[in-house]
Amino acid sequence: MIINQLSTMPDEHIELWKAKLSSCRSVSALLRDLTKEYAASRNDAGAMLYSIFDHFSMDELGYIWKWDFERSGVGLTDERVDQLLAHLLAKESEG
């Protein structure tokens, strides 16, 4: 998958992160965990989500690009990202 080449997460870690989704409290928390674990940028974290979630669209990736990663007050807040992307966690819990 080409988009995964953008991320800094090794391919063998993808299944580990997928397994963590059932205990994940929010998409923004997952994003922050990914950026911390891999010293990743916002764009890299978006690419990682594309690899982790089976049904992740380019529209959803756009929300990550607009996310206020630095918490500077510009862009989508963590809470708004969670509202926009909560369905991803719901899909994963459904199987």
C-alpha atoms as a PDB file:
ATOM      1  CA  MET A   1       0.000   0.000   0.000  1.00  0.00           C
ATOM      2  CA  ILE A   2       1.557   3.267  -1.124  1.00  0.00           C
ATOM      3  CA  ILE A   3       0.086   5.523   1.549  1.00  0.00           C
ATOM      4  CA  ASN A   4       1.687   3.467   4.324  1.00  0.00           C
ATOM      5  CA  GLN A   5       5.085   4.368   2.904  1.00  0.00           C
ATOM      6  CA  LEU A   6       4.395   7.909   4.091  1.00  0.00           C
ATOM      7  CA  SER A   7       4.045   6.858   7.706  1.00  0.00           C
ATOM      8  CA  THR A   8       6.814   6.060  10.116  1.00  0.00           C
ATOM      9  CA  MET A   9       5.060   2.990  11.532  1.00  0.00           C
ATOM     10  CA  PRO A  10       6.571  -0.366  10.551  1.00  0.00           C
ATOM     11  CA  ASP A  11       4.096  -2.620   8.731  1.00  0.00           C
ATOM     12  CA  GLU A  12       4.387  -5.256  11.441  1.00  0.00           C
ATOM     13  CA  HIS A  13       2.965  -2.769  13.987  1.00  0.00           C
ATOM     14  CA  ILE A  14      -0.312  -2.269  12.093  1.00  0.00           C
ATOM     15  CA  GLU A  15      -1.963  -5.391  13.529  1.00  0.00           C
ATOM     16  CA  LEU A  16      -0.839  -4.433  17.040  1.00  0.00           C
ATOM     17  CA  TRP A  17      -2.576  -1.067  16.735  1.00  0.00           C
ATOM     18  CA  LYS A  18      -5.692  -2.678  15.229  1.00  0.00           C
ATOM     19  CA  ALA A  19      -5.863  -4.908  18.301  1.00  0.00           C
ATOM     20  CA  LYS A  20      -5.780  -1.827  20.551  1.00  0.00           C
ATOM     21  CA  LEU A  21      -8.826  -0.246  18.888  1.00  0.00           C
ATOM     22  CA  SER A  22     -11.334  -2.014  21.134  1.00  0.00           C
ATOM     23  CA  SER A  23      -9.898  -0.235  24.172  1.00  0.00           C
ATOM     24  CA  CYS A  24      -9.314   3.092  22.432  1.00  0.00           C
ATOM     25  CA  ARG A  25     -11.321   5.900  24.029  1.00  0.00           C
ATOM     26  CA  SER A  26     -11.243   8.289  21.041  1.00  0.00           C
ATOM     27  CA  VAL A  27      -9.676   8.867  17.650  1.00  0.00           C
ATOM     28  CA  SER A  28      -7.831  11.950  18.894  1.00  0.00           C
ATOM     29  CA  ALA A  29      -6.311   9.910  21.740  1.00  0.00           C
ATOM     30  CA  LEU A  30      -5.237   7.296  19.195  1.00  0.00           C
ATOM     31  CA  LEU A  31      -3.689  10.025  17.034  1.00  0.00           C
ATOM     32  CA  ARG A  32      -1.809  11.476  19.986  1.00  0.00           C
ATOM     33  CA  ASP A  33      -0.585   7.999  20.988  1.00  0.00           C
ATOM     34  CA  LEU A  34       0.661   7.395  17.436  1.00  0.00           C
ATOM     35  CA  THR A  35       2.422  10.747  17.209  1.00  0.00           C
ATOM     36  CA  LYS A  36       4.071  10.152  20.574  1.00  0.00           C
ATOM     37  CA  GLU A  37       5.072   6.525  19.866  1.00  0.00           C
ATOM     38  CA  TYR A  38       6.627   7.252  16.470  1.00  0.00           C
ATOM     39  CA  ALA A  39       7.529  10.953  16.810  1.00  0.00           C
ATOM     40  CA  ALA A  40       5.198  11.409  13.860  1.00  0.00           C
ATOM     41  CA  SER A  41       3.754  14.514  12.255  1.00  0.00           C
ATOM     42  CA  ARG A  42       0.039  15.123  11.782  1.00  0.00           C
ATOM     43  CA  ASN A  43       0.304  13.959   8.165  1.00  0.00           C
ATOM     44  CA  ASP A  44       2.149  10.794   9.171  1.00  0.00           C
ATOM     45  CA  ALA A  45      -0.478  10.064  11.832  1.00  0.00           C
ATOM     46  CA  GLY A  46      -3.184  10.374   9.173  1.00  0.00           C
ATOM     47  CA  ALA A  47      -1.331   7.895   6.973  1.00  0.00           C
ATOM     48  CA  MET A  48      -1.087   5.550   9.944  1.00  0.00           C
ATOM     49  CA  LEU A  49      -4.850   5.720  10.506  1.00  0.00           C
ATOM     50  CA  TYR A  50      -5.326   4.876   6.837  1.00  0.00           C
ATOM     51  CA  SER A  51      -3.327   1.718   7.499  1.00  0.00           C
ATOM     52  CA  ILE A  52      -5.025   0.856  10.802  1.00  0.00           C
ATOM     53  CA  PHE A  53      -8.677   1.333   9.816  1.00  0.00           C
ATOM     54  CA  ASP A  54     -10.085  -0.854   7.058  1.00  0.00           C
ATOM     55  CA  HIS A  55     -12.607   1.759   5.902  1.00  0.00           C
ATOM     56  CA  PHE A  56     -10.696   5.053   6.113  1.00  0.00           C
ATOM     57  CA  SER A  57     -11.478   7.502   3.321  1.00  0.00           C
ATOM     58  CA  MET A  58      -9.619  10.436   1.875  1.00  0.00           C
ATOM     59  CA  ASP A  59     -12.376  12.689   3.241  1.00  0.00           C
ATOM     60  CA  GLU A  60     -11.601  11.401   6.727  1.00  0.00           C
ATOM     61  CA  LEU A  61      -7.910  11.946   6.112  1.00  0.00           C
ATOM     62  CA  GLY A  62      -8.785  15.566   5.336  1.00  0.00           C
ATOM     63  CA  TYR A  63     -10.062  15.997   8.898  1.00  0.00           C
ATOM     64  CA  ILE A  64      -6.669  14.898  10.181  1.00  0.00           C
ATOM     65  CA  TRP A  65      -4.966  17.440   7.945  1.00  0.00           C
ATOM     66  CA  LYS A  66      -7.184  20.135   9.530  1.00  0.00           C
ATOM     67  CA  TRP A  67      -6.642  18.844  13.087  1.00  0.00           C
ATOM     68  CA  ASP A  68      -5.069  21.264  15.605  1.00  0.00           C
ATOM     69  CA  PHE A  69      -2.197  18.877  16.295  1.00  0.00           C
ATOM     70  CA  GLU A  70      -0.148  21.575  18.043  1.00  0.00           C
ATOM     71  CA  ARG A  71      -3.133  22.738  20.124  1.00  0.00           C
ATOM     72  CA  SER A  72      -2.511  26.266  18.909  1.00  0.00           C
ATOM     73  CA  GLY A  73      -6.181  27.179  18.573  1.00  0.00           C
ATOM     74  CA  VAL A  74      -6.155  26.886  14.775  1.00  0.00           C
ATOM     75  CA  GLY A  75      -7.917  23.946  13.149  1.00  0.00           C
ATOM     76  CA  LEU A  76     -10.183  21.169  14.349  1.00  0.00           C
ATOM     77  CA  THR A  77     -10.068  20.494  18.081  1.00  0.00           C
ATOM     78  CA  ASP A  78      -9.569  16.999  19.454  1.00  0.00           C
ATOM     79  CA  GLU A  79     -13.244  17.004  20.423  1.00  0.00           C
ATOM     80  CA  ARG A  80     -14.350  17.905  16.882  1.00  0.00           C
ATOM     81  CA  VAL A  81     -12.096  15.237  15.344  1.00  0.00           C
ATOM     82  CA  ASP A  82     -13.649  12.736  17.749  1.00  0.00           C
ATOM     83  CA  GLN A  83     -17.151  13.781  16.665  1.00  0.00           C
ATOM     84  CA  LEU A  84     -16.288  13.539  12.981  1.00  0.00           C
ATOM     85  CA  LEU A  85     -14.452  10.219  13.209  1.00  0.00           C
ATOM     86  CA  ALA A  86     -16.225   8.378  16.067  1.00  0.00           C
ATOM     87  CA  HIS A  87     -17.879   6.097  13.509  1.00  0.00           C
ATOM     88  CA  LEU A  88     -14.465   4.561  12.768  1.00  0.00           C
ATOM     89  CA  LEU A  89     -14.191   3.144  16.278  1.00  0.00           C
ATOM     90  CA  ALA A  90     -17.828   2.002  16.131  1.00  0.00           C
ATOM     91  CA  LYS A  91     -17.151   0.112  12.871  1.00  0.00           C
ATOM     92  CA  GLU A  92     -14.129  -1.600  14.386  1.00  0.00           C
ATOM     93  CA  SER A  93     -16.047  -2.694  17.490  1.00  0.00           C
ATOM     94  CA  GLU A  94     -18.777  -4.171  15.258  1.00  0.00           C
ATOM     95  CA  GLY A  95     -16.160  -6.323  13.574  1.00  0.00           C
END
